[in-house]
């Protein structure tokens, strides 16, 4: 075994002229089971190392001071071969690390303590090429940046940033069975941008991102099959965007999985999935939350819970059918705009009906296009409006003899149910053999059902309004044949 140890210790005097600096340490090894160590103290030191065609070798770099460099563009710390280990430890400010491993079963660890440190750069990130590699980056304090990429199968990347403001982490993995974990603690953190996103390409990828602090942002894109993303952010002004392209994708930020979604104020989440059998679970707690979820493919499922005030959710599902959407909003001034295009879709919408919550001045718009769709909307509070549209045949938005349908997390009464005062419900169905029902409990309610037969010779639509309280108004308009309309009012 070869061992090379290079140590450059720079003493700090009381005057700037007494400081030693600008030392350069370079190690070049070719072969197996080599050991290389560079240790430097002071300012503006540089460490370069290369272990080529190596098996079971170790490279260690320790730098204590400021403005030190471990590798540089075109001359980074490099290991090629199998079962190699690289460790870089920098303490101080404005330090930089560039490192690369090419081979299999290699491990890379970068630890930086101080401010304004960089692990990789926009043009030269930390890199591992091969199979079964592992990369760990740890940065403490403020304004640090980490960029990492892995190419190969079953790779793992872990980036941890702890400290204050202005941290960034960009990571990309390409291959199969990759795993990515990014944790940030502080304010104004980023784990990716639209230009430099945390991107994974391949099959069976998994990503876990946690952000704690204020004004955090996020961006994640996964392309391949069986991808999973677990994202949670806690603080104010958080935002994360997740885009998955493939089959059997999953995005979770949900307490069912022991993950609290976004907790704080002014949170925003955008999730887009393209493929089959996609699933979204997410929760937002706080004020002024917004969620924009779009799914393209058959068999998608979205479950969103918002707790707070002034929440707004836009969801769009397009596919062959069997899509399911469940939304719980608790608070005031909530808005929901839901569109489902396909057949045999399910929409379960709840506003102010969770743990005794109330929704006032909320607006709900639901549009279903296709046949054999089912709808359940329940709103509890005052001055709420529900606008429902179903286009197709054999659609159901009605509680037929208290007919309930069992959803993924409970039993739902079909139709539109409003509890409170001064609520308005508009339900429109275009097609034949549809069922529409509105049930209102309170005072000063208004209910409108419009059923337009697609074939005047078929019709056979059914409309039912039940109102309990005072000063109600109900209108049912039907065209076609063999239609039935029932209005029941009591006080």
Protein backbone atom coordinates (compact mmCIF):
# COMPACT_ATOMS: atom_id res chain seq x y z
CA UNK A 1 0.00 0.00 0.00
CA UNK A 2 1.23 3.50 -0.79
CA UNK A 3 0.65 6.32 1.66
CA UNK A 4 1.19 9.97 0.89
CA UNK A 5 0.44 12.66 3.44
CA UNK A 6 0.93 16.33 2.56
CA UNK A 7 0.46 18.92 5.29
CA UNK A 8 0.71 22.68 4.90
CA UNK A 9 0.12 24.59 8.13
CA UNK A 10 -0.11 28.33 7.88
CA UNK A 11 0.28 30.33 11.08
CA UNK A 12 -1.93 33.33 11.73
CA UNK A 13 -0.02 36.38 13.03
CA UNK A 14 -1.32 39.60 14.44
CA UNK A 15 -0.62 41.43 11.18
CA UNK A 16 -1.80 40.52 7.72
CA UNK A 17 1.78 40.39 6.52
CA UNK A 18 2.40 37.66 9.03
CA UNK A 19 -0.06 35.28 7.41
CA UNK A 20 1.31 32.47 5.26
CA UNK A 21 -0.92 31.54 2.35
CA UNK A 22 -1.21 30.43 -1.29
CA UNK A 23 0.10 26.91 -0.70
CA UNK A 24 -0.51 24.20 -3.30
CA UNK A 25 -0.74 20.47 -2.56
CA UNK A 26 -0.98 17.95 -5.40
CA UNK A 27 -1.12 14.13 -5.17
CA UNK A 28 -1.17 11.79 -8.20
CA UNK A 29 -1.50 8.05 -7.61
CA UNK A 30 -1.97 5.13 -10.03
CA UNK A 31 -2.85 1.71 -8.64
CA UNK A 32 -4.90 0.09 -5.89
CA UNK A 33 -5.23 0.46 -2.13
CA UNK A 34 -3.57 3.85 -2.07
CA UNK A 35 -3.98 6.43 0.67
CA UNK A 36 -3.73 10.18 0.05
CA UNK A 37 -4.23 12.99 2.54
CA UNK A 38 -3.88 16.74 2.11
CA UNK A 39 -4.22 18.97 5.18
CA UNK A 40 -3.95 22.75 4.90
CA UNK A 41 -4.49 25.66 7.30
CA UNK A 42 -4.67 29.32 6.33
CA UNK A 43 -5.83 31.33 3.33
CA UNK A 44 -6.02 30.73 -0.41
CA UNK A 45 -4.67 27.19 -0.28
CA UNK A 46 -5.22 24.71 -3.10
CA UNK A 47 -5.42 20.94 -2.95
CA UNK A 48 -5.44 18.67 -6.00
CA UNK A 49 -5.56 14.90 -6.05
CA UNK A 50 -5.91 12.06 -8.52
CA UNK A 51 -6.19 8.33 -7.93
CA UNK A 52 -6.42 6.53 -11.28
CA UNK A 53 -7.31 2.91 -12.07
CA UNK A 54 -7.70 2.36 -8.37
CA UNK A 55 -9.48 -0.19 -6.19
CA UNK A 56 -10.05 0.37 -2.49
CA UNK A 57 -8.16 3.66 -2.29
CA UNK A 58 -8.84 6.58 0.06
CA UNK A 59 -8.46 10.33 -0.50
CA UNK A 60 -8.87 12.81 2.34
CA UNK A 61 -8.66 16.61 2.13
CA UNK A 62 -8.84 18.85 5.19
CA UNK A 63 -8.70 22.62 4.89
CA UNK A 64 -9.08 25.11 7.73
CA UNK A 65 -9.29 28.76 6.75
CA UNK A 66 -10.86 30.89 4.06
CA UNK A 67 -10.87 31.01 0.27
CA UNK A 68 -9.43 27.51 0.03
CA UNK A 69 -9.93 25.31 -3.02
CA UNK A 70 -10.18 21.52 -3.15
CA UNK A 71 -9.97 20.83 -6.87
CA UNK A 72 -10.94 23.21 -9.60
CA UNK A 73 -12.55 23.19 -13.03
CA UNK A 74 -10.55 20.89 -15.27
CA UNK A 75 -8.44 19.71 -12.34
CA UNK A 76 -10.95 18.42 -9.80
CA UNK A 77 -10.31 15.80 -7.14
CA UNK A 78 -10.63 12.57 -9.13
CA UNK A 79 -10.94 8.87 -8.40
CA UNK A 80 -11.46 6.18 -11.05
CA UNK A 81 -12.02 2.53 -10.31
CA UNK A 82 -13.91 0.49 -7.71
CA UNK A 83 -14.68 0.77 -4.00
CA UNK A 84 -12.92 4.09 -3.51
CA UNK A 85 -13.60 6.63 -0.75
CA UNK A 86 -13.23 10.39 -0.91
CA UNK A 87 -13.68 12.80 2.01
CA UNK A 88 -13.42 16.60 1.88
CA UNK A 89 -13.70 18.71 5.03
CA UNK A 90 -13.49 22.49 4.81
CA UNK A 91 -13.87 24.88 7.75
CA UNK A 92 -14.08 28.60 7.11
CA UNK A 93 -15.63 30.95 4.56
CA UNK A 94 -15.61 31.17 0.77
CA UNK A 95 -14.26 27.65 0.23
CA UNK A 96 -14.82 25.62 -2.95
CA UNK A 97 -14.81 21.90 -3.70
CA UNK A 98 -14.80 20.19 -7.11
CA UNK A 99 -14.70 16.39 -7.10
CA UNK A 100 -15.46 13.49 -9.44
CA UNK A 101 -15.61 9.71 -9.14
CA UNK A 102 -15.84 7.32 -12.09
CA UNK A 103 -16.51 3.64 -11.37
CA UNK A 104 -18.62 1.45 -9.09
CA UNK A 105 -19.37 1.31 -5.37
CA UNK A 106 -17.63 4.62 -4.67
CA UNK A 107 -18.39 6.93 -1.75
CA UNK A 108 -18.01 10.71 -1.67
CA UNK A 109 -18.46 12.93 1.38
CA UNK A 110 -18.14 16.74 1.39
CA UNK A 111 -18.50 18.69 4.64
CA UNK A 112 -18.28 22.47 4.65
CA UNK A 113 -18.65 24.65 7.74
CA UNK A 114 -18.78 28.41 7.27
CA UNK A 115 -20.36 30.97 4.97
CA UNK A 116 -20.47 31.31 1.19
CA UNK A 117 -19.02 27.88 0.50
CA UNK A 118 -19.56 26.05 -2.78
CA UNK A 119 -19.64 22.33 -3.45
CA UNK A 120 -19.62 22.24 -7.24
CA UNK A 121 -20.60 25.11 -9.51
CA UNK A 122 -23.06 25.93 -12.26
CA UNK A 123 -20.59 24.58 -14.83
CA UNK A 124 -18.82 21.88 -12.84
CA UNK A 125 -20.83 20.00 -10.24
CA UNK A 126 -19.77 17.17 -7.97
CA UNK A 127 -20.01 14.11 -10.18
CA UNK A 128 -20.22 10.34 -9.86
CA UNK A 129 -20.39 8.09 -12.93
CA UNK A 130 -21.00 4.38 -12.50
CA UNK A 131 -23.13 2.03 -10.42
CA UNK A 132 -24.05 1.82 -6.75
CA UNK A 133 -22.37 5.08 -5.83
CA UNK A 134 -23.18 7.21 -2.79
CA UNK A 135 -22.73 10.97 -2.37
CA UNK A 136 -23.19 13.02 0.82
CA UNK A 137 -22.89 16.81 1.03
CA UNK A 138 -23.21 18.69 4.32
CA UNK A 139 -23.05 22.48 4.57
CA UNK A 140 -23.47 24.55 7.74
CA UNK A 141 -24.30 28.28 8.11
CA UNK A 142 -25.25 30.79 5.40
CA UNK A 143 -25.22 31.31 1.64
CA UNK A 144 -23.85 27.94 0.67
CA UNK A 145 -24.36 26.20 -2.67
CA UNK A 146 -24.25 22.52 -3.58
CA UNK A 147 -24.49 21.02 -7.06
CA UNK A 148 -24.30 17.29 -7.65
CA UNK A 149 -24.93 14.83 -10.45
CA UNK A 150 -24.86 11.03 -10.65
CA UNK A 151 -25.09 8.79 -13.69
CA UNK A 152 -25.65 5.06 -13.38
CA UNK A 153 -27.85 2.59 -11.51
CA UNK A 154 -28.96 2.58 -7.90
CA UNK A 155 -27.20 5.80 -6.97
CA UNK A 156 -27.93 7.82 -3.83
CA UNK A 157 -27.49 11.55 -3.22
CA UNK A 158 -27.91 13.29 0.14
CA UNK A 159 -27.55 17.06 0.57
CA UNK A 160 -27.97 18.70 3.97
CA UNK A 161 -27.76 22.44 4.47
CA UNK A 162 -28.13 23.83 7.97
CA UNK A 163 -27.87 27.46 8.85
CA UNK A 164 -29.47 30.69 7.77
CA UNK A 165 -30.20 32.51 4.56
CA UNK A 166 -29.53 31.98 0.91
CA UNK A 167 -28.66 28.29 0.64
CA UNK A 168 -29.12 26.49 -2.69
CA UNK A 169 -28.97 22.86 -3.71
CA UNK A 170 -29.15 21.61 -7.30
CA UNK A 171 -28.93 17.86 -7.94
CA UNK A 172 -29.49 15.60 -10.94
CA UNK A 173 -29.42 11.79 -11.07
CA UNK A 174 -29.69 9.78 -14.25
CA UNK A 175 -30.18 6.01 -14.27
CA UNK A 176 -32.26 3.42 -12.44
CA UNK A 177 -33.22 3.01 -8.80
CA UNK A 178 -31.83 6.40 -7.81
CA UNK A 179 -32.60 8.06 -4.49
CA UNK A 180 -32.32 11.77 -3.72
CA UNK A 181 -32.68 13.43 -0.31
CA UNK A 182 -32.30 17.18 0.27
CA UNK A 183 -32.82 18.86 3.66
CA UNK A 184 -32.50 22.61 4.18
CA UNK A 185 -32.82 24.51 7.43
CA UNK A 186 -33.02 28.29 7.35
CA UNK A 187 -34.59 31.07 5.30
CA UNK A 188 -34.62 31.84 1.57
CA UNK A 189 -33.47 28.32 0.69
CA UNK A 190 -33.70 26.76 -2.77
CA UNK A 191 -33.31 23.16 -3.80
CA UNK A 192 -33.65 23.80 -7.51
CA UNK A 193 -34.75 26.29 -10.15
CA UNK A 194 -36.56 26.03 -13.44
CA UNK A 195 -33.16 26.11 -15.13
CA UNK A 196 -31.28 23.87 -12.71
CA UNK A 197 -33.84 21.52 -11.24
CA UNK A 198 -33.32 18.52 -9.02
CA UNK A 199 -33.91 16.12 -11.89
CA UNK A 200 -34.02 12.32 -11.96
CA UNK A 201 -34.24 10.24 -15.13
CA UNK A 202 -34.78 6.50 -15.02
CA UNK A 203 -36.93 3.92 -13.29
CA UNK A 204 -37.85 3.44 -9.64
CA UNK A 205 -36.51 6.82 -8.57
CA UNK A 206 -37.26 8.22 -5.14
CA UNK A 207 -36.88 11.78 -3.85
CA UNK A 208 -37.34 13.25 -0.38
CA UNK A 209 -37.05 17.00 0.23
CA UNK A 210 -37.61 18.82 3.55
CA UNK A 211 -37.33 22.59 3.96
CA UNK A 212 -37.60 24.46 7.26
CA UNK A 213 -37.61 28.25 7.30
CA UNK A 214 -39.11 31.20 5.44
CA UNK A 215 -39.51 31.89 1.76
CA UNK A 216 -38.32 28.48 0.63
CA UNK A 217 -38.71 27.43 -2.99
CA UNK A 218 -38.45 24.07 -4.69
CA UNK A 219 -38.49 22.36 -8.04
CA UNK A 220 -38.33 18.65 -8.83
CA UNK A 221 -38.75 16.78 -12.11
CA UNK A 222 -38.77 12.99 -12.45
CA UNK A 223 -38.92 11.20 -15.80
CA UNK A 224 -39.35 7.43 -15.87
CA UNK A 225 -41.41 4.72 -14.20
CA UNK A 226 -42.39 4.16 -10.58
CA UNK A 227 -41.09 7.52 -9.36
CA UNK A 228 -41.85 8.77 -5.86
CA UNK A 229 -41.45 12.22 -4.34
CA UNK A 230 -41.95 13.07 -0.67
CA UNK A 231 -41.81 16.81 -0.09
CA UNK A 232 -42.58 18.85 3.01
CA UNK A 233 -41.91 22.52 3.74
CA UNK A 234 -42.49 24.40 6.98
CA UNK A 235 -42.43 28.17 7.37
CA UNK A 236 -43.69 31.20 5.42
CA UNK A 237 -43.92 31.89 1.70
CA UNK A 238 -43.01 28.34 0.71
CA UNK A 239 -43.39 27.02 -2.81
CA UNK A 240 -42.62 23.69 -4.44
CA UNK A 241 -43.29 22.35 -7.93
CA UNK A 242 -43.24 18.66 -8.77
CA UNK A 243 -43.50 17.28 -12.29
CA UNK A 244 -43.50 13.55 -12.99
CA UNK A 245 -43.63 11.93 -16.41
CA UNK A 246 -44.17 8.14 -16.45
CA UNK A 247 -46.34 5.50 -14.81
CA UNK A 248 -47.19 4.70 -11.18
CA UNK A 249 -45.83 8.03 -9.93
CA UNK A 250 -46.55 9.19 -6.39
CA UNK A 251 -46.23 12.57 -4.68
CA UNK A 252 -46.79 12.69 -0.93
CA UNK A 253 -46.79 15.52 1.51
CA UNK A 254 -49.42 14.09 3.77
CA UNK A 255 -49.86 13.20 7.49
CA UNK A 256 -51.02 9.70 6.60
CA UNK A 257 -47.41 9.07 5.72
CA UNK A 258 -46.15 10.88 8.86
CA UNK A 259 -45.39 13.93 6.71
CA UNK A 260 -46.93 17.33 7.36
CA UNK A 261 -47.39 19.12 4.06
CA UNK A 262 -46.79 22.83 3.94
CA UNK A 263 -47.30 24.63 7.25
CA UNK A 264 -47.22 28.42 7.26
CA UNK A 265 -48.57 31.34 5.27
CA UNK A 266 -48.70 32.08 1.56
CA UNK A 267 -47.76 28.54 0.55
CA UNK A 268 -48.08 27.43 -3.06
CA UNK A 269 -47.78 23.98 -4.62
CA UNK A 270 -47.93 22.96 -8.28
CA UNK A 271 -47.96 19.27 -9.16
CA UNK A 272 -48.23 17.93 -12.71
CA UNK A 273 -48.25 14.23 -13.56
CA UNK A 274 -48.42 12.65 -17.00
CA UNK A 275 -48.91 8.88 -17.23
CA UNK A 276 -51.01 6.17 -15.66
CA UNK A 277 -51.94 5.31 -12.09
CA UNK A 278 -50.56 8.57 -10.67
CA UNK A 279 -51.37 9.60 -7.12
CA UNK A 280 -51.06 12.89 -5.24
CA UNK A 281 -51.42 13.35 -1.48
CA UNK A 282 -50.86 16.81 -0.07
CA UNK A 283 -51.82 19.03 2.84
CA UNK A 284 -51.45 22.75 3.39
CA UNK A 285 -51.96 24.51 6.73
CA UNK A 286 -52.02 28.28 7.09
CA UNK A 287 -53.40 31.29 5.23
CA UNK A 288 -53.51 32.19 1.56
CA UNK A 289 -52.53 28.72 0.38
CA UNK A 290 -52.85 27.74 -3.27
CA UNK A 291 -52.56 24.37 -5.01
CA UNK A 292 -52.55 23.72 -8.75
CA UNK A 293 -52.69 20.00 -9.60
CA UNK A 294 -52.98 18.60 -13.10
CA UNK A 295 -53.00 14.91 -14.05
CA UNK A 296 -53.06 13.49 -17.56
CA UNK A 297 -53.68 9.76 -17.85
CA UNK A 298 -56.13 7.09 -16.66
CA UNK A 299 -56.58 6.04 -13.08
CA UNK A 300 -55.24 9.21 -11.41
CA UNK A 301 -56.10 10.07 -7.82
CA UNK A 302 -55.73 13.43 -6.07
CA UNK A 303 -56.30 13.97 -2.36
CA UNK A 304 -55.80 17.52 -1.09
CA UNK A 305 -56.55 19.03 2.31
CA UNK A 306 -56.25 22.74 2.97
CA UNK A 307 -56.78 24.15 6.45
CA UNK A 308 -56.80 27.93 6.79
CA UNK A 309 -58.24 31.03 5.12
CA UNK A 310 -58.39 32.22 1.53
CA UNK A 311 -57.30 28.88 0.09
CA UNK A 312 -57.59 28.28 -3.64
CA UNK A 313 -57.27 24.97 -5.49
CA UNK A 314 -57.34 24.26 -9.22
CA UNK A 315 -57.31 20.62 -10.28
CA UNK A 316 -57.65 19.07 -13.71
CA UNK A 317 -57.84 15.37 -14.47
CA UNK A 318 -57.88 14.02 -18.01
CA UNK A 319 -57.90 10.35 -18.92
CA UNK A 320 -59.96 7.38 -19.96
CA UNK A 321 -61.72 7.35 -16.61
CA UNK A 322 -61.74 6.01 -13.08
CA UNK A 323 -60.17 9.24 -11.82
CA UNK A 324 -60.89 10.23 -8.24
CA UNK A 325 -60.58 13.60 -6.60
CA UNK A 326 -61.01 14.34 -2.90
CA UNK A 327 -60.67 17.86 -1.55
CA UNK A 328 -61.11 19.11 2.04
CA UNK A 329 -61.01 22.84 2.61
CA UNK A 330 -61.61 24.32 6.06
CA UNK A 331 -61.69 28.07 6.63
CA UNK A 332 -63.10 31.18 4.98
CA UNK A 333 -63.15 32.36 1.37
CA UNK A 334 -62.02 29.07 -0.12
CA UNK A 335 -62.15 28.54 -3.89
CA UNK A 336 -62.16 25.30 -5.80
CA UNK A 337 -62.14 24.84 -9.58
CA UNK A 338 -62.30 21.19 -10.62
CA UNK A 339 -62.39 19.71 -14.12
CA UNK A 340 -62.60 16.01 -14.95
CA UNK A 341 -62.62 14.75 -18.51
CA UNK A 342 -63.42 11.06 -18.98
CA UNK A 343 -65.84 8.44 -17.74
CA UNK A 344 -66.49 6.88 -14.34
CA UNK A 345 -64.86 9.78 -12.52
CA UNK A 346 -65.50 10.65 -8.86
CA UNK A 347 -65.38 14.07 -7.22
CA UNK A 348 -65.75 14.44 -3.45
CA UNK A 349 -65.61 18.06 -2.34
CA UNK A 350 -65.80 19.22 1.27
CA UNK A 351 -65.74 22.81 2.47
CA UNK A 352 -66.06 23.58 6.17
CA UNK A 353 -67.08 20.03 7.11
CA UNK A 354 -63.86 18.84 8.76
CA UNK A 355 -63.44 18.91 12.55
CA UNK A 356 -66.25 21.42 12.94
CA UNK A 357 -64.80 23.97 10.56
CA UNK A 358 -66.88 26.57 8.71
CA UNK A 359 -66.47 27.99 5.21
CA UNK A 360 -67.98 31.38 4.44
CA UNK A 361 -68.10 33.13 1.06
CA UNK A 362 -66.56 30.08 -0.60
CA UNK A 363 -66.96 29.31 -4.29
CA UNK A 364 -66.94 25.84 -5.80
CA UNK A 365 -66.92 25.09 -9.52
CA UNK A 366 -66.96 21.49 -10.73
CA UNK A 367 -67.12 20.34 -14.34
CA UNK A 368 -67.33 16.69 -15.38
CA UNK A 369 -67.22 15.61 -19.02
CA UNK A 370 -68.10 12.00 -19.85
CA UNK A 371 -70.48 9.25 -18.80
CA UNK A 372 -71.20 7.47 -15.51
CA UNK A 373 -69.59 10.15 -13.36
CA UNK A 374 -70.43 10.70 -9.68
CA UNK A 375 -70.32 13.90 -7.67
CA UNK A 376 -70.54 14.77 -3.99
CA UNK A 377 -70.24 18.36 -2.73
CA UNK A 378 -70.83 19.30 0.91
CA UNK A 379 -70.43 22.84 2.17
CA UNK A 380 -71.03 24.10 5.70
CA UNK A 381 -71.10 27.85 6.32
CA UNK A 382 -72.75 31.01 5.01
CA UNK A 383 -72.84 32.88 1.70
CA UNK A 384 -71.31 29.98 -0.24
CA UNK A 385 -71.81 29.26 -3.95
CA UNK A 386 -71.60 25.93 -5.77
CA UNK A 387 -71.67 25.71 -9.58
CA UNK A 388 -71.83 22.16 -10.89
CA UNK A 389 -71.85 20.98 -14.50
CA UNK A 390 -72.04 17.44 -15.84
CA UNK A 391 -72.05 16.68 -19.56
CA UNK A 392 -72.75 13.10 -20.65
CA UNK A 393 -75.10 10.26 -19.84
CA UNK A 394 -75.81 8.27 -16.67
CA UNK A 395 -74.17 10.88 -14.44
CA UNK A 396 -75.19 11.09 -10.79
CA UNK A 397 -75.17 14.18 -8.57
CA UNK A 398 -78.01 13.13 -6.32
CA UNK A 399 -78.65 11.38 -3.02
CA UNK A 400 -80.98 8.63 -4.23
CA UNK A 401 -82.78 7.38 -1.11
CA UNK A 402 -79.72 8.47 0.87
CA UNK A 403 -77.55 6.40 -1.45
CA UNK A 404 -73.99 6.77 -0.28
CA UNK A 405 -70.76 5.85 -2.00
CA UNK A 406 -67.69 4.72 -0.09
CA UNK A 407 -64.61 6.76 -0.91
CA UNK A 408 -60.99 6.28 0.00
CA UNK A 409 -61.34 7.93 3.40
CA UNK A 410 -65.04 7.82 4.23
CA UNK A 411 -68.64 7.49 3.08
CA UNK A 412 -69.96 10.31 0.91
CA UNK A 413 -73.51 11.42 0.21
CA UNK A 414 -73.93 12.02 -3.50
CA UNK A 415 -75.20 15.37 -4.70
CA UNK A 416 -74.84 18.93 -3.37
CA UNK A 417 -75.40 19.52 0.34
CA UNK A 418 -75.19 23.00 1.87
CA UNK A 419 -75.62 23.82 5.54
CA UNK A 420 -75.87 27.45 6.66
CA UNK A 421 -77.56 30.63 5.41
CA UNK A 422 -77.62 32.56 2.14
CA UNK A 423 -76.06 29.73 0.12
CA UNK A 424 -76.52 29.21 -3.63
CA UNK A 425 -76.31 25.98 -5.62
CA UNK A 426 -76.44 25.72 -9.42
CA UNK A 427 -76.42 22.24 -10.93
CA UNK A 428 -76.51 21.70 -14.69
CA UNK A 429 -76.60 18.35 -16.48
CA UNK A 430 -76.44 17.93 -20.25
CA UNK A 431 -77.41 14.45 -21.46
CA UNK A 432 -79.84 11.65 -20.72
CA UNK A 433 -80.67 9.46 -17.74
CA UNK A 434 -78.89 11.76 -15.30
CA UNK A 435 -79.76 12.35 -11.64
CA UNK A 436 -79.36 15.65 -9.82
CA UNK A 437 -80.01 16.47 -6.18
CA UNK A 438 -79.56 19.54 -3.99
CA UNK A 439 -80.12 19.53 -0.25
CA UNK A 440 -79.99 22.80 1.68
CA UNK A 441 -80.37 23.30 5.43
CA UNK A 442 -80.69 26.90 6.67
CA UNK A 443 -82.34 30.15 5.69
CA UNK A 444 -82.44 32.21 2.47
CA UNK A 445 -81.23 29.37 0.23
CA UNK A 446 -81.37 29.27 -3.57
CA UNK A 447 -81.21 26.11 -5.66
CA UNK A 448 -81.24 25.82 -9.46
CA UNK A 449 -81.27 22.56 -11.43
CA UNK A 450 -81.07 22.61 -15.23
CA UNK A 451 -81.26 19.31 -17.11
CA UNK A 452 -80.95 19.40 -20.88
CA UNK A 453 -81.67 16.16 -22.70
CA UNK A 454 -79.23 15.21 -25.42
CA UNK A 455 -81.95 13.22 -27.17
CA UNK A 456 -85.52 14.55 -26.87
CA UNK A 457 -86.84 11.00 -27.30
CA UNK A 458 -84.84 9.64 -24.38
CA UNK A 459 -84.58 12.16 -21.53
CA UNK A 460 -85.44 10.25 -18.36
CA UNK A 461 -83.65 12.76 -16.14
CA UNK A 462 -84.45 13.19 -12.45
CA UNK A 463 -84.08 16.38 -10.39
CA UNK A 464 -84.68 16.75 -6.68
CA UNK A 465 -84.38 19.77 -4.35
CA UNK A 466 -84.84 19.57 -0.58
CA UNK A 467 -84.80 22.79 1.44
CA UNK A 468 -85.31 23.03 5.19
CA UNK A 469 -85.60 26.48 6.75
CA UNK A 470 -87.11 29.85 5.78
CA UNK A 471 -87.24 32.05 2.69
CA UNK A 472 -86.01 29.47 0.18
CA UNK A 473 -86.20 29.48 -3.60
CA UNK A 474 -85.92 26.41 -5.83
CA UNK A 475 -86.08 26.11 -9.64
CA UNK A 476 -85.89 22.95 -11.76
CA UNK A 477 -85.85 23.23 -15.56
CA UNK A 478 -85.96 20.09 -17.71
CA UNK A 479 -86.43 19.38 -21.41
CA UNK A 480 -87.02 16.03 -23.06
CA UNK A 481 -89.35 13.16 -22.21
CA UNK A 482 -89.94 11.00 -19.14
CA UNK A 483 -88.24 13.50 -16.84
CA UNK A 484 -89.12 13.83 -13.15
CA UNK A 485 -88.78 16.87 -10.88
CA UNK A 486 -89.41 17.04 -7.14
CA UNK A 487 -89.11 20.07 -4.84
CA UNK A 488 -89.55 19.64 -1.08
CA UNK A 489 -89.53 22.71 1.18
CA UNK A 490 -90.16 22.86 4.93
CA UNK A 491 -89.50 25.16 7.86
